[in-house]
Amino acid sequence: MMTSLMKRTACMAAAVIALGATTGAEEIPNEPFFTTFEDLNQDDWYISDFARKKPSFLTAWVPDQVTLENGQLQLSLDPAPINSGKVFAGAEIQRRDYSHYGRYEVVMQAGRGEGVISAFFTYTGPWFDDPWDEIDFEFLGKDTTKVWVTRFADGERLPGKWIDLGFDSAEETALYTFDWGPEALIWYVNGEEIFRVEAKDRTLPTTPGRIYLSIWGGGEDQKNWSGIAPRDTRTMATYDCVSYVPMGETGQNCSDLPEFQYE
């Protein structure tokens, strides 16, 4: 199914070149965005295809691990081929356009398994000639009844917070939202606020970034956080909808669809 990952060991810089990346400040259309994955429009999305050179990072991003089925995006994590140089073949897509302050939503189901990380996040950083700014929903497969929320602002890490969901994110599809503005950053699950950070108390991200969806397997460097993924791990995260509406504007959100409205 997959060609040798030895052909996929280009560093992140190569991926950035492929995207034709410039600084976020120069490339922000900042327009509403909405998709339910009837297709994967490659004018909108870049499918990651590289492996970090760092040996302790065990996952290579492989396009074959990205599939669509019945209007659902599937990101798979599987053992990598022998002699590939990596332990896992994972999956990641990133939106080509930048976005900034506004409401971000995803409808997804996390992957299960020790050491597995499924994510919905925004990111920009030195690879894009930007400060490192990031906003995260991260689901650790070792306990999918919780979600990890955090942010980076110019490389400063906010102490992350484990949030009890009250359900199993690997068993149920759910709506995850964050509102990002200059004064506050607020995370929601199924329409209910779960965590907030205010600018008066903590530095907030300010740099426009790209939307990412991903799944990967943790190793020794991540053992105190995610745990280490067994080499025979096979799992999948699924995504039904992604939307972004800039602050102060109107547009379609995932939560506007009847099947994704939660009380």
C-alpha atoms as a PDB file:
ATOM      1  CA  MET A   1       0.000   0.000   0.000  1.00  0.00           C
ATOM      2  CA  MET A   2       2.852   2.412   0.847  1.00  0.00           C
ATOM      3  CA  THR A   3       6.105   3.135  -0.878  1.00  0.00           C
ATOM      4  CA  SER A   4       9.228   3.083   1.254  1.00  0.00           C
ATOM      5  CA  LEU A   5       9.381   5.868   3.777  1.00  0.00           C
ATOM      6  CA  MET A   6      13.026   6.220   2.868  1.00  0.00           C
ATOM      7  CA  LYS A   7      11.693   8.429   0.084  1.00  0.00           C
ATOM      8  CA  ARG A   8       9.846  10.561   2.624  1.00  0.00           C
ATOM      9  CA  THR A   9      12.676  11.718   4.866  1.00  0.00           C
ATOM     10  CA  ALA A  10      12.703  15.315   3.664  1.00  0.00           C
ATOM     11  CA  CYS A  11      12.818  17.706   6.589  1.00  0.00           C
ATOM     12  CA  MET A  12      10.045  20.128   7.478  1.00  0.00           C
ATOM     13  CA  ALA A  13      11.747  22.830   5.451  1.00  0.00           C
ATOM     14  CA  ALA A  14      10.991  20.907   2.278  1.00  0.00           C
ATOM     15  CA  ALA A  15       7.318  20.794   3.191  1.00  0.00           C
ATOM     16  CA  VAL A  16       7.333  24.531   3.731  1.00  0.00           C
ATOM     17  CA  ILE A  17       8.923  25.093   0.326  1.00  0.00           C
ATOM     18  CA  ALA A  18       6.254  22.896  -1.242  1.00  0.00           C
ATOM     19  CA  LEU A  19       3.621  25.116   0.321  1.00  0.00           C
ATOM     20  CA  GLY A  20       5.256  28.242  -1.006  1.00  0.00           C
ATOM     21  CA  ALA A  21       5.065  29.590   2.519  1.00  0.00           C
ATOM     22  CA  THR A  22       5.632  33.205   3.420  1.00  0.00           C
ATOM     23  CA  THR A  23       4.989  34.987   6.647  1.00  0.00           C
ATOM     24  CA  GLY A  24       1.486  34.845   8.040  1.00  0.00           C
ATOM     25  CA  ALA A  25       1.168  38.619   8.048  1.00  0.00           C
ATOM     26  CA  GLU A  26       1.580  38.688   4.269  1.00  0.00           C
ATOM     27  CA  GLU A  27      -0.750  35.812   3.457  1.00  0.00           C
ATOM     28  CA  ILE A  28      -3.957  36.212   5.436  1.00  0.00           C
ATOM     29  CA  PRO A  29      -7.116  36.097   3.381  1.00  0.00           C
ATOM     30  CA  ASN A  30      -8.866  35.653   6.757  1.00  0.00           C
ATOM     31  CA  GLU A  31     -12.107  34.586   5.143  1.00  0.00           C
ATOM     32  CA  PRO A  32     -14.712  32.155   6.529  1.00  0.00           C
ATOM     33  CA  PHE A  33     -13.927  28.512   5.803  1.00  0.00           C
ATOM     34  CA  PHE A  34     -16.170  25.443   6.031  1.00  0.00           C
ATOM     35  CA  THR A  35     -15.853  21.827   4.894  1.00  0.00           C
ATOM     36  CA  THR A  36     -17.613  18.539   5.577  1.00  0.00           C
ATOM     37  CA  PHE A  37     -15.026  16.458   3.658  1.00  0.00           C
ATOM     38  CA  GLU A  38     -17.109  15.340   0.733  1.00  0.00           C
ATOM     39  CA  ASP A  39     -13.748  15.774  -0.938  1.00  0.00           C
ATOM     40  CA  LEU A  40     -10.299  16.979   0.109  1.00  0.00           C
ATOM     41  CA  ASN A  41      -9.731  20.061  -1.974  1.00  0.00           C
ATOM     42  CA  GLN A  42      -5.972  20.375  -2.339  1.00  0.00           C
ATOM     43  CA  ASP A  43      -6.352  24.071  -3.118  1.00  0.00           C
ATOM     44  CA  ASP A  44      -7.456  24.312   0.527  1.00  0.00           C
ATOM     45  CA  TRP A  45      -5.377  21.552   2.157  1.00  0.00           C
ATOM     46  CA  TYR A  46      -1.770  20.362   2.030  1.00  0.00           C
ATOM     47  CA  ILE A  47      -1.323  16.661   2.841  1.00  0.00           C
ATOM     48  CA  SER A  48       1.886  16.342   4.819  1.00  0.00           C
ATOM     49  CA  ASP A  49       4.543  14.078   3.294  1.00  0.00           C
ATOM     50  CA  PHE A  50       7.780  14.155   5.265  1.00  0.00           C
ATOM     51  CA  ALA A  51       9.653  12.708   8.224  1.00  0.00           C
ATOM     52  CA  ARG A  52      11.466  14.741  10.834  1.00  0.00           C
ATOM     53  CA  LYS A  53      15.142  13.875  10.960  1.00  0.00           C
ATOM     54  CA  LYS A  54      15.128  13.684  14.751  1.00  0.00           C
ATOM     55  CA  PRO A  55      15.468   9.926  15.502  1.00  0.00           C
ATOM     56  CA  SER A  56      13.413  10.160  18.679  1.00  0.00           C
ATOM     57  CA  PHE A  57      10.382  11.382  16.693  1.00  0.00           C
ATOM     58  CA  LEU A  58       8.900   8.052  15.648  1.00  0.00           C
ATOM     59  CA  THR A  59       6.253   9.076  13.100  1.00  0.00           C
ATOM     60  CA  ALA A  60       6.502   9.955   9.410  1.00  0.00           C
ATOM     61  CA  TRP A  61       3.590  11.768   7.760  1.00  0.00           C
ATOM     62  CA  VAL A  62       2.410   9.606   4.850  1.00  0.00           C
ATOM     63  CA  PRO A  63      -0.280  10.679   2.329  1.00  0.00           C
ATOM     64  CA  ASP A  64      -1.544   7.090   2.000  1.00  0.00           C
ATOM     65  CA  GLN A  65      -2.675   7.357   5.634  1.00  0.00           C
ATOM     66  CA  VAL A  66      -5.169  10.089   4.688  1.00  0.00           C
ATOM     67  CA  THR A  67      -8.467   8.746   3.299  1.00  0.00           C
ATOM     68  CA  LEU A  68     -12.056   9.881   2.729  1.00  0.00           C
ATOM     69  CA  GLU A  69     -15.114   7.718   3.210  1.00  0.00           C
ATOM     70  CA  ASN A  70     -18.755   8.817   3.083  1.00  0.00           C
ATOM     71  CA  GLY A  71     -17.978  12.458   3.790  1.00  0.00           C
ATOM     72  CA  GLN A  72     -15.569  11.681   6.607  1.00  0.00           C
ATOM     73  CA  LEU A  73     -11.844  12.353   6.767  1.00  0.00           C
ATOM     74  CA  GLN A  74      -9.889   9.411   8.210  1.00  0.00           C
ATOM     75  CA  LEU A  75      -6.354   9.846   9.542  1.00  0.00           C
ATOM     76  CA  SER A  76      -4.673   6.525  10.318  1.00  0.00           C
ATOM     77  CA  LEU A  77      -1.680   5.523  12.417  1.00  0.00           C
ATOM     78  CA  ASP A  78      -0.044   2.184  11.526  1.00  0.00           C
ATOM     79  CA  PRO A  79       3.354   0.498  11.811  1.00  0.00           C
ATOM     80  CA  ALA A  80       5.787   1.828   9.220  1.00  0.00           C
ATOM     81  CA  PRO A  81       7.458  -0.539   6.737  1.00  0.00           C
ATOM     82  CA  ILE A  82      10.587  -2.320   7.947  1.00  0.00           C
ATOM     83  CA  ASN A  83      13.802  -0.356   7.298  1.00  0.00           C
ATOM     84  CA  SER A  84      11.831   2.827   6.700  1.00  0.00           C
ATOM     85  CA  GLY A  85      13.697   4.745   9.371  1.00  0.00           C
ATOM     86  CA  LYS A  86      10.545   5.404  11.400  1.00  0.00           C
ATOM     87  CA  VAL A  87       8.321   3.284  13.641  1.00  0.00           C
ATOM     88  CA  PHE A  88       4.939   4.675  12.540  1.00  0.00           C
ATOM     89  CA  ALA A  89       3.201   5.932   9.437  1.00  0.00           C
ATOM     90  CA  GLY A  90       0.889   8.710  10.614  1.00  0.00           C
ATOM     91  CA  ALA A  91      -1.276  11.318   8.927  1.00  0.00           C
ATOM     92  CA  GLU A  92      -1.554  15.092   8.910  1.00  0.00           C
ATOM     93  CA  ILE A  93      -3.241  17.727   6.804  1.00  0.00           C
ATOM     94  CA  GLN A  94      -2.796  21.465   7.098  1.00  0.00           C
ATOM     95  CA  ARG A  95      -4.863  24.264   5.646  1.00  0.00           C
ATOM     96  CA  ARG A  96      -2.910  26.290   3.102  1.00  0.00           C
ATOM     97  CA  ASP A  97      -4.435  29.669   4.034  1.00  0.00           C
ATOM     98  CA  TYR A  98      -3.738  31.471   7.264  1.00  0.00           C
ATOM     99  CA  SER A  99      -6.462  32.442   9.701  1.00  0.00           C
ATOM    100  CA  HIS A 100      -6.469  34.731  12.706  1.00  0.00           C
ATOM    101  CA  TYR A 101      -8.894  35.795  15.443  1.00  0.00           C
ATOM    102  CA  GLY A 102     -12.273  34.111  15.283  1.00  0.00           C
ATOM    103  CA  ARG A 103     -14.181  30.898  16.001  1.00  0.00           C
ATOM    104  CA  TYR A 104     -12.657  27.516  15.097  1.00  0.00           C
ATOM    105  CA  GLU A 105     -14.725  24.315  15.154  1.00  0.00           C
ATOM    106  CA  VAL A 106     -14.179  20.638  14.437  1.00  0.00           C
ATOM    107  CA  VAL A 107     -16.426  17.586  14.678  1.00  0.00           C
ATOM    108  CA  MET A 108     -14.180  14.596  15.297  1.00  0.00           C
ATOM    109  CA  GLN A 109     -13.578  11.284  17.037  1.00  0.00           C
ATOM    110  CA  ALA A 110     -10.158  10.593  18.559  1.00  0.00           C
ATOM    111  CA  GLY A 111      -7.917   7.558  18.067  1.00  0.00           C
ATOM    112  CA  ARG A 112      -7.429   5.144  20.936  1.00  0.00           C
ATOM    113  CA  GLY A 113      -4.184   3.574  22.177  1.00  0.00           C
ATOM    114  CA  GLU A 114      -1.242   4.103  24.505  1.00  0.00           C
ATOM    115  CA  GLY A 115       1.028   6.803  23.110  1.00  0.00           C
ATOM    116  CA  VAL A 116      -1.439   7.900  20.412  1.00  0.00           C
ATOM    117  CA  ILE A 117      -2.012  11.642  19.886  1.00  0.00           C
ATOM    118  CA  SER A 118      -4.972  12.907  17.811  1.00  0.00           C
ATOM    119  CA  ALA A 119      -5.179  16.657  17.341  1.00  0.00           C
ATOM    120  CA  PHE A 120      -6.985  19.725  16.055  1.00  0.00           C
ATOM    121  CA  PHE A 121      -4.862  22.863  16.322  1.00  0.00           C
ATOM    122  CA  THR A 122      -3.570  26.049  14.764  1.00  0.00           C
ATOM    123  CA  TYR A 123       0.148  26.575  14.302  1.00  0.00           C
ATOM    124  CA  THR A 124       2.780  28.836  12.833  1.00  0.00           C
ATOM    125  CA  GLY A 125       6.445  29.130  13.706  1.00  0.00           C
ATOM    126  CA  PRO A 126      10.042  29.475  12.534  1.00  0.00           C
ATOM    127  CA  TRP A 127       9.483  27.153   9.542  1.00  0.00           C
ATOM    128  CA  PHE A 128       7.130  29.847   8.235  1.00  0.00           C
ATOM    129  CA  ASP A 129       9.390  32.743   9.342  1.00  0.00           C
ATOM    130  CA  ASP A 130       6.940  33.484  12.150  1.00  0.00           C
ATOM    131  CA  PRO A 131       6.970  33.390  15.949  1.00  0.00           C
ATOM    132  CA  TRP A 132       5.848  30.045  17.383  1.00  0.00           C
ATOM    133  CA  ASP A 133       2.134  30.530  18.105  1.00  0.00           C
ATOM    134  CA  GLU A 134      -0.174  27.543  18.578  1.00  0.00           C
ATOM    135  CA  ILE A 135      -3.619  26.671  19.977  1.00  0.00           C
ATOM    136  CA  ASP A 136      -4.446  23.017  20.671  1.00  0.00           C
ATOM    137  CA  PHE A 137      -7.034  20.369  21.300  1.00  0.00           C
ATOM    138  CA  GLU A 138      -4.987  17.175  21.837  1.00  0.00           C
ATOM    139  CA  PHE A 139      -6.471  13.779  22.643  1.00  0.00           C
ATOM    140  CA  LEU A 140      -4.175  11.229  24.255  1.00  0.00           C
ATOM    141  CA  GLY A 141      -5.192   7.719  23.363  1.00  0.00           C
ATOM    142  CA  LYS A 142      -4.211   6.346  26.748  1.00  0.00           C
ATOM    143  CA  ASP A 143      -7.258   8.097  28.294  1.00  0.00           C
ATOM    144  CA  THR A 144      -9.765   9.350  25.764  1.00  0.00           C
ATOM    145  CA  THR A 145     -12.212  10.479  28.443  1.00  0.00           C
ATOM    146  CA  LYS A 146     -10.074  13.627  28.743  1.00  0.00           C
ATOM    147  CA  VAL A 147      -8.713  16.275  26.401  1.00  0.00           C
ATOM    148  CA  TRP A 148      -5.509  18.294  26.720  1.00  0.00           C
ATOM    149  CA  VAL A 149      -5.820  22.024  25.898  1.00  0.00           C
ATOM    150  CA  THR A 150      -2.899  24.397  25.642  1.00  0.00           C
ATOM    151  CA  ARG A 151      -1.379  27.272  23.695  1.00  0.00           C
ATOM    152  CA  PHE A 152       2.013  28.701  22.770  1.00  0.00           C
ATOM    153  CA  ALA A 153       2.652  32.436  22.344  1.00  0.00           C
ATOM    154  CA  ASP A 154       5.994  33.342  20.768  1.00  0.00           C
ATOM    155  CA  GLY A 155       7.325  30.012  22.029  1.00  0.00           C
ATOM    156  CA  GLU A 156       6.046  30.476  25.584  1.00  0.00           C
ATOM    157  CA  ARG A 157       4.065  27.428  26.683  1.00  0.00           C
ATOM    158  CA  LEU A 158       0.938  27.882  28.726  1.00  0.00           C
ATOM    159  CA  PRO A 159       0.735  25.145  31.333  1.00  0.00           C
ATOM    160  CA  GLY A 160      -1.651  22.726  29.646  1.00  0.00           C
ATOM    161  CA  LYS A 161      -4.788  21.515  31.340  1.00  0.00           C
ATOM    162  CA  TRP A 162      -6.457  18.109  31.362  1.00  0.00           C
ATOM    163  CA  ILE A 163     -10.215  18.444  30.995  1.00  0.00           C
ATOM    164  CA  ASP A 164     -12.624  15.636  31.899  1.00  0.00           C
ATOM    165  CA  LEU A 165     -15.066  15.287  29.028  1.00  0.00           C
ATOM    166  CA  GLY A 166     -17.729  13.194  30.689  1.00  0.00           C
ATOM    167  CA  PHE A 167     -17.683  10.838  27.693  1.00  0.00           C
ATOM    168  CA  ASP A 168     -15.162   8.831  25.663  1.00  0.00           C
ATOM    169  CA  SER A 169     -13.841  10.864  22.710  1.00  0.00           C
ATOM    170  CA  ALA A 170     -12.765   7.635  20.952  1.00  0.00           C
ATOM    171  CA  GLU A 171     -16.321   6.256  21.182  1.00  0.00           C
ATOM    172  CA  GLU A 172     -18.349   9.376  20.359  1.00  0.00           C
ATOM    173  CA  THR A 173     -18.168  12.062  17.708  1.00  0.00           C
ATOM    174  CA  ALA A 174     -18.251  15.474  19.354  1.00  0.00           C
ATOM    175  CA  LEU A 175     -17.973  19.181  18.598  1.00  0.00           C
ATOM    176  CA  TYR A 176     -14.816  20.977  19.752  1.00  0.00           C
ATOM    177  CA  THR A 177     -14.555  24.768  19.519  1.00  0.00           C
ATOM    178  CA  PHE A 178     -12.196  27.553  20.473  1.00  0.00           C
ATOM    179  CA  ASP A 179     -12.769  31.297  20.281  1.00  0.00           C
ATOM    180  CA  TRP A 180      -9.523  33.204  19.792  1.00  0.00           C
ATOM    181  CA  GLY A 181      -9.459  36.947  20.312  1.00  0.00           C
ATOM    182  CA  PRO A 182      -7.008  39.597  21.502  1.00  0.00           C
ATOM    183  CA  GLU A 183      -8.500  39.605  25.006  1.00  0.00           C
ATOM    184  CA  ALA A 184      -9.292  35.925  25.622  1.00  0.00           C
ATOM    185  CA  LEU A 185      -8.896  32.375  24.344  1.00  0.00           C
ATOM    186  CA  ILE A 186     -11.801  30.065  25.221  1.00  0.00           C
ATOM    187  CA  TRP A 187     -12.226  26.316  24.579  1.00  0.00           C
ATOM    188  CA  TYR A 188     -15.626  24.561  24.368  1.00  0.00           C
ATOM    189  CA  VAL A 189     -16.844  20.975  24.046  1.00  0.00           C
ATOM    190  CA  ASN A 190     -20.325  20.388  22.631  1.00  0.00           C
ATOM    191  CA  GLY A 191     -21.099  24.065  23.182  1.00  0.00           C
ATOM    192  CA  GLU A 192     -20.059  24.199  26.850  1.00  0.00           C
ATOM    193  CA  GLU A 193     -17.057  26.250  27.960  1.00  0.00           C
ATOM    194  CA  ILE A 194     -14.317  24.086  29.468  1.00  0.00           C
ATOM    195  CA  PHE A 195     -11.328  26.446  29.832  1.00  0.00           C
ATOM    196  CA  ARG A 196     -10.289  30.027  29.197  1.00  0.00           C
ATOM    197  CA  VAL A 197      -7.154  32.156  29.280  1.00  0.00           C
ATOM    198  CA  GLU A 198      -7.384  35.952  29.407  1.00  0.00           C
ATOM    199  CA  ALA A 199      -4.787  38.401  28.115  1.00  0.00           C
ATOM    200  CA  LYS A 200      -4.764  40.268  31.417  1.00  0.00           C
ATOM    201  CA  ASP A 201      -3.420  37.117  33.079  1.00  0.00           C
ATOM    202  CA  ARG A 202      -1.379  35.329  30.391  1.00  0.00           C
ATOM    203  CA  THR A 203       0.206  36.115  27.052  1.00  0.00           C
ATOM    204  CA  LEU A 204      -2.005  35.012  24.183  1.00  0.00           C
ATOM    205  CA  PRO A 205      -1.053  33.996  20.641  1.00  0.00           C
ATOM    206  CA  THR A 206      -1.233  36.903  18.215  1.00  0.00           C
ATOM    207  CA  THR A 207       0.251  35.548  14.968  1.00  0.00           C
ATOM    208  CA  PRO A 208      -2.026  34.141  12.230  1.00  0.00           C
ATOM    209  CA  GLY A 209      -1.506  30.423  11.659  1.00  0.00           C
ATOM    210  CA  ARG A 210      -2.707  27.375   9.758  1.00  0.00           C
ATOM    211  CA  ILE A 211      -5.323  24.824  10.838  1.00  0.00           C
ATOM    212  CA  TYR A 212      -3.900  21.305  11.344  1.00  0.00           C
ATOM    213  CA  LEU A 213      -5.489  17.881  11.806  1.00  0.00           C
ATOM    214  CA  SER A 214      -3.164  15.025  12.742  1.00  0.00           C
ATOM    215  CA  ILE A 215      -2.497  11.664  14.358  1.00  0.00           C
ATOM    216  CA  TRP A 216       0.906  10.373  15.478  1.00  0.00           C
ATOM    217  CA  GLY A 217       2.621   8.007  17.900  1.00  0.00           C
ATOM    218  CA  GLY A 218       4.613   9.173  20.913  1.00  0.00           C
ATOM    219  CA  GLY A 219       8.032   7.829  21.856  1.00  0.00           C
ATOM    220  CA  GLU A 220      10.612   8.237  24.593  1.00  0.00           C
ATOM    221  CA  ASP A 221      10.498  12.039  24.410  1.00  0.00           C
ATOM    222  CA  GLN A 222       6.755  12.006  25.042  1.00  0.00           C
ATOM    223  CA  LYS A 223       6.537   9.145  27.560  1.00  0.00           C
ATOM    224  CA  ASN A 224       5.667  11.386  30.524  1.00  0.00           C
ATOM    225  CA  TRP A 225       2.834  12.962  28.564  1.00  0.00           C
ATOM    226  CA  SER A 226       1.310  10.598  26.036  1.00  0.00           C
ATOM    227  CA  GLY A 227       3.104   7.391  26.926  1.00  0.00           C
ATOM    228  CA  ILE A 228       5.006   5.344  24.352  1.00  0.00           C
ATOM    229  CA  ALA A 229       3.003   3.824  21.513  1.00  0.00           C
ATOM    230  CA  PRO A 230       3.579   0.057  21.022  1.00  0.00           C
ATOM    231  CA  ARG A 231       5.140  -0.769  17.673  1.00  0.00           C
ATOM    232  CA  ASP A 232       2.077  -2.722  16.548  1.00  0.00           C
ATOM    233  CA  THR A 233      -0.299   0.209  17.125  1.00  0.00           C
ATOM    234  CA  ARG A 234      -3.094   0.583  14.564  1.00  0.00           C
ATOM    235  CA  THR A 235      -5.739   3.232  15.108  1.00  0.00           C
ATOM    236  CA  MET A 236      -7.607   6.051  13.431  1.00  0.00           C
ATOM    237  CA  ALA A 237      -8.988   9.528  14.138  1.00  0.00           C
ATOM    238  CA  THR A 238     -11.967  10.714  12.103  1.00  0.00           C
ATOM    239  CA  TYR A 239     -13.090  14.245  11.207  1.00  0.00           C
ATOM    240  CA  ASP A 240     -16.557  15.167   9.918  1.00  0.00           C
ATOM    241  CA  CYS A 241     -16.395  18.953   9.725  1.00  0.00           C
ATOM    242  CA  VAL A 242     -13.969  21.863  10.127  1.00  0.00           C
ATOM    243  CA  SER A 243     -14.942  25.530  10.123  1.00  0.00           C
ATOM    244  CA  TYR A 244     -13.487  28.975  10.787  1.00  0.00           C
ATOM    245  CA  VAL A 245     -15.327  32.292  11.027  1.00  0.00           C
ATOM    246  CA  PRO A 246     -13.252  35.453  11.559  1.00  0.00           C
ATOM    247  CA  MET A 247     -14.034  37.594  14.584  1.00  0.00           C
ATOM    248  CA  GLY A 248     -16.815  40.072  13.874  1.00  0.00           C
ATOM    249  CA  GLU A 249     -17.933  38.304  10.677  1.00  0.00           C
ATOM    250  CA  THR A 250     -20.619  35.804   9.784  1.00  0.00           C
ATOM    251  CA  GLY A 251     -20.209  32.431   8.144  1.00  0.00           C
ATOM    252  CA  GLN A 252     -21.160  28.795   8.459  1.00  0.00           C
ATOM    253  CA  ASN A 253     -19.933  26.909  11.512  1.00  0.00           C
ATOM    254  CA  CYS A 254     -19.903  23.150  12.014  1.00  0.00           C
ATOM    255  CA  SER A 255     -22.329  23.740  14.867  1.00  0.00           C
ATOM    256  CA  ASP A 256     -24.865  25.214  12.414  1.00  0.00           C
ATOM    257  CA  LEU A 257     -25.495  21.797  10.864  1.00  0.00           C
ATOM    258  CA  PRO A 258     -28.459  20.008  12.508  1.00  0.00           C
ATOM    259  CA  GLU A 259     -26.547  16.763  13.045  1.00  0.00           C
ATOM    260  CA  PHE A 260     -23.738  18.606  14.837  1.00  0.00           C
ATOM    261  CA  GLN A 261     -25.827  20.733  17.182  1.00  0.00           C
ATOM    262  CA  TYR A 262     -25.460  19.807  20.835  1.00  0.00           C
ATOM    263  CA  GLU A 263     -27.581  20.854  23.764  1.00  0.00           C
END
